[in-house]
Protein backbone atom coordinates (compact mmCIF):
# COMPACT_ATOMS: atom_id res chain seq x y z
CA MET A 1 0.00 0.00 0.00
CA SER A 2 1.40 3.38 -0.99
CA GLU A 3 2.12 5.79 1.83
CA LYS A 4 1.60 8.77 -0.44
CA PRO A 5 -1.61 10.83 -0.27
CA LEU A 6 -4.24 9.87 -2.82
CA ILE A 7 -5.08 13.01 -4.79
CA LEU A 8 -8.14 13.42 -7.02
CA VAL A 9 -7.69 16.03 -9.76
CA THR A 10 -10.48 17.47 -11.90
CA ASN A 11 -11.51 20.68 -13.67
CA ASP A 12 -14.16 22.25 -15.89
CA ASP A 13 -12.06 23.32 -18.89
CA GLY A 14 -11.57 19.75 -20.08
CA ILE A 15 -8.93 17.09 -19.69
CA THR A 16 -6.55 18.62 -22.25
CA ALA A 17 -6.61 22.12 -20.72
CA PRO A 18 -3.16 23.56 -19.93
CA GLY A 19 -4.35 24.62 -16.49
CA LEU A 20 -5.22 21.03 -15.60
CA ARG A 21 -1.89 19.77 -16.95
CA ALA A 22 -0.08 22.31 -14.74
CA LEU A 23 -2.07 21.18 -11.71
CA ILE A 24 -1.25 17.53 -12.42
CA ASP A 25 2.46 18.38 -12.59
CA VAL A 26 2.35 19.86 -9.09
CA MET A 27 0.20 17.10 -7.60
CA ASN A 28 2.60 14.44 -8.93
CA GLU A 29 5.16 15.91 -6.52
CA LEU A 30 2.82 15.43 -3.57
CA GLY A 31 1.10 12.07 -3.97
CA ASP A 32 -0.56 9.42 -6.11
CA VAL A 33 -2.70 11.23 -8.66
CA ILE A 34 -5.98 10.11 -10.19
CA VAL A 35 -7.47 12.46 -12.78
CA VAL A 36 -11.15 12.35 -13.68
CA ALA A 37 -12.04 15.31 -15.89
CA PRO A 38 -14.56 16.26 -18.58
CA ASP A 39 -13.79 15.31 -22.16
CA SER A 40 -14.76 18.82 -23.33
CA PRO A 41 -15.09 22.30 -21.77
CA GLN A 42 -17.80 22.57 -19.10
CA SER A 43 -17.31 26.16 -17.91
CA GLY A 44 -20.29 27.79 -16.25
CA MET A 45 -21.98 24.47 -15.49
CA GLY A 46 -22.20 25.21 -11.78
CA HIS A 47 -23.34 22.19 -9.77
CA ALA A 48 -25.08 20.52 -12.71
CA ILE A 49 -25.30 16.73 -12.81
CA THR A 50 -26.24 14.35 -15.61
CA ALA A 51 -29.53 12.71 -14.65
CA ASN A 52 -31.40 12.17 -17.92
CA SER A 53 -28.74 10.70 -20.19
CA THR A 54 -25.82 8.30 -20.07
CA ILE A 55 -22.32 9.17 -18.87
CA TYR A 56 -19.18 7.70 -20.39
CA CYS A 57 -15.86 7.46 -18.61
CA THR A 58 -12.76 6.13 -20.36
CA ALA A 59 -9.15 5.58 -19.30
CA ILE A 60 -6.91 7.85 -21.35
CA THR A 61 -3.29 8.93 -21.72
CA ILE A 62 -2.72 12.62 -22.48
CA ASP A 63 0.95 13.01 -21.67
CA GLU A 64 3.75 11.29 -19.81
CA GLY A 65 3.61 11.03 -16.04
CA PRO A 66 2.74 8.67 -13.20
CA GLN A 67 -0.87 9.90 -12.97
CA ILE A 68 -3.81 7.70 -13.93
CA GLU A 69 -6.37 9.55 -16.04
CA TYR A 70 -10.01 9.17 -17.04
CA SER A 71 -11.98 11.28 -19.49
CA SER A 72 -15.70 11.64 -18.81
CA SER A 73 -18.62 12.88 -20.88
CA GLY A 74 -20.18 14.25 -17.69
CA THR A 75 -20.03 17.55 -15.83
CA PRO A 76 -17.32 18.43 -13.30
CA VAL A 77 -19.61 17.29 -10.48
CA ASP A 78 -20.29 14.04 -12.34
CA CYS A 79 -16.52 13.51 -12.52
CA VAL A 80 -16.16 13.72 -8.74
CA LYS A 81 -19.14 11.43 -8.17
CA LEU A 82 -17.75 8.87 -10.62
CA ALA A 83 -14.32 9.01 -9.03
CA VAL A 84 -15.61 8.50 -5.50
CA ASN A 85 -18.23 5.86 -6.28
CA GLU A 86 -16.81 3.91 -9.22
CA ILE A 87 -13.13 4.51 -9.88
CA LEU A 88 -11.30 4.89 -6.57
CA ASN A 89 -11.01 2.04 -4.09
CA ARG A 90 -10.83 4.46 -1.17
CA LYS A 91 -11.71 8.06 -0.43
CA PRO A 92 -9.01 10.46 -1.67
CA ASP A 93 -7.05 12.47 0.86
CA ILE A 94 -7.74 15.64 -1.10
CA CYS A 95 -9.49 16.84 -4.25
CA VAL A 96 -8.05 19.72 -6.27
CA SER A 97 -9.92 21.34 -9.14
CA GLY A 98 -8.49 23.63 -11.84
CA VAL A 99 -6.36 25.44 -12.52
CA ASN A 100 -9.24 27.28 -14.16
CA HIS A 101 -8.68 29.53 -17.16
CA GLY A 102 -10.36 32.66 -15.76
CA SER A 103 -11.60 34.14 -12.51
CA ASN A 104 -13.80 32.36 -10.00
CA SER A 105 -13.67 35.14 -7.44
CA SER A 106 -16.69 36.87 -5.92
CA ILE A 107 -20.09 35.89 -7.38
CA ASN A 108 -18.39 33.77 -10.06
CA VAL A 109 -18.11 30.99 -7.49
CA ILE A 110 -21.85 30.36 -7.94
CA TYR A 111 -21.56 29.62 -11.66
CA SER A 112 -18.20 27.86 -11.63
CA GLY A 113 -17.85 24.23 -12.65
CA THR A 114 -14.35 24.31 -11.17
CA MET A 115 -15.62 25.29 -7.73
CA SER A 116 -18.68 23.06 -7.93
CA ALA A 117 -16.40 20.05 -8.38
CA ALA A 118 -14.52 21.10 -5.26
CA VAL A 119 -17.78 21.66 -3.37
CA GLU A 120 -19.02 18.20 -4.40
CA ALA A 121 -15.84 16.69 -2.98
CA GLY A 122 -16.44 18.65 0.22
CA ILE A 123 -19.96 17.25 0.44
CA GLU A 124 -18.37 13.79 0.21
CA GLY A 125 -16.20 14.65 3.22
CA ILE A 126 -13.02 15.19 1.17
CA PRO A 127 -10.83 18.26 1.80
CA ALA A 128 -11.04 20.23 -1.43
CA ILE A 129 -9.58 23.26 -3.17
CA GLY A 130 -10.53 25.06 -6.38
CA PHE A 131 -7.73 26.96 -8.13
CA SER A 132 -8.26 29.67 -10.79
CA LEU A 133 -6.03 32.08 -12.71
CA LEU A 134 -7.30 35.47 -13.88
CA ASP A 135 -6.37 34.73 -17.48
CA TYR A 136 -8.91 33.32 -19.94
CA ASP A 137 -6.33 32.65 -22.65
CA TRP A 138 -6.00 28.94 -23.52
CA GLU A 139 -2.24 29.49 -23.69
CA ALA A 140 -2.11 31.22 -20.29
CA ASP A 141 1.14 30.91 -18.32
CA PHE A 142 0.52 28.87 -15.17
CA GLU A 143 4.13 28.81 -13.93
CA ALA A 144 3.52 31.56 -11.38
CA THR A 145 0.73 29.54 -9.77
CA LYS A 146 2.67 26.33 -9.17
CA GLY A 147 4.57 27.27 -6.03
CA TYR A 148 1.43 28.61 -4.37
CA VAL A 149 -0.64 25.60 -5.47
CA LYS A 150 1.93 23.32 -3.87
CA LYS A 151 2.14 25.34 -0.66
CA ILE A 152 -1.64 25.58 -0.17
CA THR A 153 -2.25 21.92 -1.02
CA LYS A 154 0.48 20.76 1.39
CA LYS A 155 -1.02 22.85 4.19
CA VAL A 156 -4.45 21.29 3.63
CA LEU A 157 -2.98 17.77 3.46
CA GLU A 158 -1.16 18.38 6.74
CA HIS A 159 -3.88 20.17 8.67
CA GLY A 160 -7.20 19.43 6.93
CA LEU A 161 -10.04 21.93 6.67
CA PRO A 162 -12.91 22.90 8.97
CA GLU A 163 -15.93 20.67 8.53
CA GLY A 164 -18.15 21.79 5.65
CA VAL A 165 -15.54 24.17 4.18
CA VAL A 166 -13.69 24.12 0.85
CA LEU A 167 -11.19 26.69 -0.43
CA ASN A 168 -11.64 29.02 -3.38
CA VAL A 169 -8.18 30.19 -4.49
CA ASN A 170 -7.65 32.76 -7.26
CA PHE A 171 -4.37 33.97 -8.74
CA PRO A 172 -3.73 37.40 -10.25
CA LYS A 173 -2.30 37.47 -13.75
CA LEU A 174 1.23 38.30 -12.66
CA LYS A 175 4.72 36.88 -12.76
CA GLU A 176 5.62 34.98 -9.58
CA LYS A 177 8.11 37.66 -8.53
CA ASP A 178 5.34 40.26 -8.65
CA ILE A 179 2.83 38.35 -6.48
CA LYS A 180 2.88 39.79 -2.95
CA GLY A 181 1.65 36.68 -1.14
CA ILE A 182 -1.62 35.08 0.00
CA ARG A 183 -4.56 36.90 1.57
CA ILE A 184 -7.36 35.11 3.46
CA CYS A 185 -10.45 36.95 2.23
CA ARG A 186 -14.19 37.15 2.17
CA GLN A 187 -16.14 36.99 -1.07
CA ALA A 188 -16.69 40.46 -2.51
CA LYS A 189 -20.26 41.66 -2.94
CA ALA A 190 -20.38 42.01 -6.72
CA TYR A 191 -22.58 40.94 -9.60
CA TRP A 192 -22.81 40.57 -13.36
CA GLN A 193 -24.81 43.22 -15.20
CA GLU A 194 -26.14 41.02 -17.98
CA ASP A 195 -26.82 42.01 -21.54
CA PHE A 196 -28.34 39.73 -24.18
CA ASP A 197 -27.28 40.32 -27.75
CA LYS A 198 -30.45 39.50 -29.71
CA ARG A 199 -29.95 38.29 -33.29
CA THR A 200 -31.85 36.53 -36.06
CA ASN A 201 -30.53 33.51 -37.94
CA PRO A 202 -30.90 33.03 -41.75
CA HIS A 203 -34.14 31.12 -41.15
CA GLY A 204 -35.71 34.05 -39.33
CA LYS A 205 -35.49 32.53 -35.87
CA GLN A 206 -34.31 34.76 -33.02
CA TYR A 207 -31.44 33.75 -30.77
CA TYR A 208 -29.36 35.34 -28.01
CA TRP A 209 -25.71 35.68 -26.97
CA LEU A 210 -25.20 36.33 -23.26
CA SER A 211 -22.75 39.11 -22.49
CA GLY A 212 -22.38 41.75 -19.82
CA LYS A 213 -19.95 43.37 -17.43
CA PHE A 214 -18.73 42.58 -13.94
CA VAL A 215 -19.72 45.19 -11.34
CA ASN A 216 -17.92 45.29 -8.00
CA GLU A 217 -19.54 47.69 -5.56
CA ASP A 218 -17.62 46.35 -2.55
CA LYS A 219 -14.91 48.74 -1.39
CA GLY A 220 -13.67 46.50 1.43
CA GLU A 221 -9.97 45.75 1.62
CA ASP A 222 -10.68 42.29 3.05
CA THR A 223 -12.26 40.93 -0.15
CA ASP A 224 -10.99 38.62 -2.86
CA GLU A 225 -11.43 41.32 -5.50
CA TRP A 226 -9.28 43.77 -3.54
CA ALA A 227 -6.59 41.17 -2.96
CA LEU A 228 -6.40 40.23 -6.64
CA ALA A 229 -6.40 43.86 -7.80
CA ASN A 230 -3.52 44.54 -5.42
CA GLY A 231 -1.29 41.66 -6.43
CA TYR A 232 -2.22 38.99 -3.89
CA VAL A 233 -3.45 35.42 -4.21
CA SER A 234 -6.96 35.38 -2.75
CA LEU A 235 -8.07 32.47 -0.55
CA VAL A 236 -11.74 32.35 0.42
CA PRO A 237 -13.21 29.63 2.66
CA VAL A 238 -16.53 28.57 1.10
CA MET A 239 -19.42 26.76 2.82
CA PHE A 240 -21.73 24.42 0.96
CA ASP A 241 -24.35 24.74 3.72
CA LEU A 242 -26.49 27.48 2.15
CA THR A 243 -28.62 28.04 5.25
CA ALA A 244 -28.88 31.73 6.14
CA HIS A 245 -28.45 31.04 9.86
CA HIS A 246 -28.60 34.74 10.76
CA ALA A 247 -32.15 34.96 9.33
CA ILE A 248 -33.72 32.11 11.31
CA GLN A 249 -34.55 34.18 14.40
CA LYS A 250 -36.11 36.94 12.29
CA LEU A 251 -38.24 34.46 10.32
CA ASN A 252 -39.39 32.77 13.53
CA SER A 253 -40.62 36.17 14.75
CA LEU A 254 -42.91 36.51 11.74
CA GLY A 255 -45.33 33.86 12.91
CA PHE A 256 -44.97 31.22 10.20
CA ASN A 257 -45.65 28.55 12.81
CA GLU A 258 -48.88 30.10 14.02
CA GLU A 259 -52.08 28.21 13.21
C-alpha cells in the first residue's frame, strides 16, 4: 500500500486544458494522482449533474507522467461522483480542481464548474480546493501559480479543513516575482450586469448571446477582488451549507408557525 496521499484532480475546462496539466504536474510531486475530468469544456456548469442521459468514462493517456487519467462525458460534479463511487477504491485524501482559465472570485463561485467540483468533494467529506487564474487565454502561463498551489495543497494535506468548508483560491495574472503573497479573504459583494445580444438567424429565428460586465460595488480591503487587484493570491473559505443562519430568528418572529 502506498504511503503517499491519494489526490483526485479534476476541472471544468476539459482534460486537455493547460491549467489542468499544470495542476497535475504539481500534484505528482505530492502524492498518487488520479485524474477524472470532462472530455470537453464545461465552464459555467455550476453544480449541474447528468440525470437524464448516459455518462461515459474512459481511461486515457494525455501526456507522460505517473498519474492515472479518465476522461468523462459528464459535468465536473459528475466527474467527482464517478471518481468516489466507481473509480477509486478508497476516499481520496484531497481533491483539487483547476487550474481554471479565468476568474472564479466573488459571485463567479456560484456559476463555476471548477468550484462546484470542489464543493461536491467537500460534500463527500473530502478536503477540497478550487484553483483559478485570472487569465482566460487557452495558452495562459501557469508557472507563477505552481509554487502557491503546492504550498496551499500541502497545508491542507497536513492540517485538513474545517468541517463543511472548501477553499476558493484565485491567482492574479502576474509573474511569480510580482505576487505579494496570500490573503485570506471574504467573497466580494459584486454581480454581473447582464446584456443579451439579440440576433436573427438566416431562417428568421431569433437567438441570443449572453454578455455583460462585472460590477464590484464592494470597497472593502478584506475581499478577494481587492486582494487580486492589489497583487495577492486570494483564498476564500466557502461553505456548501447554504442556510442563512442569521435569518432564522427573524423568520421565527414573523409567525410562520402560528395556526
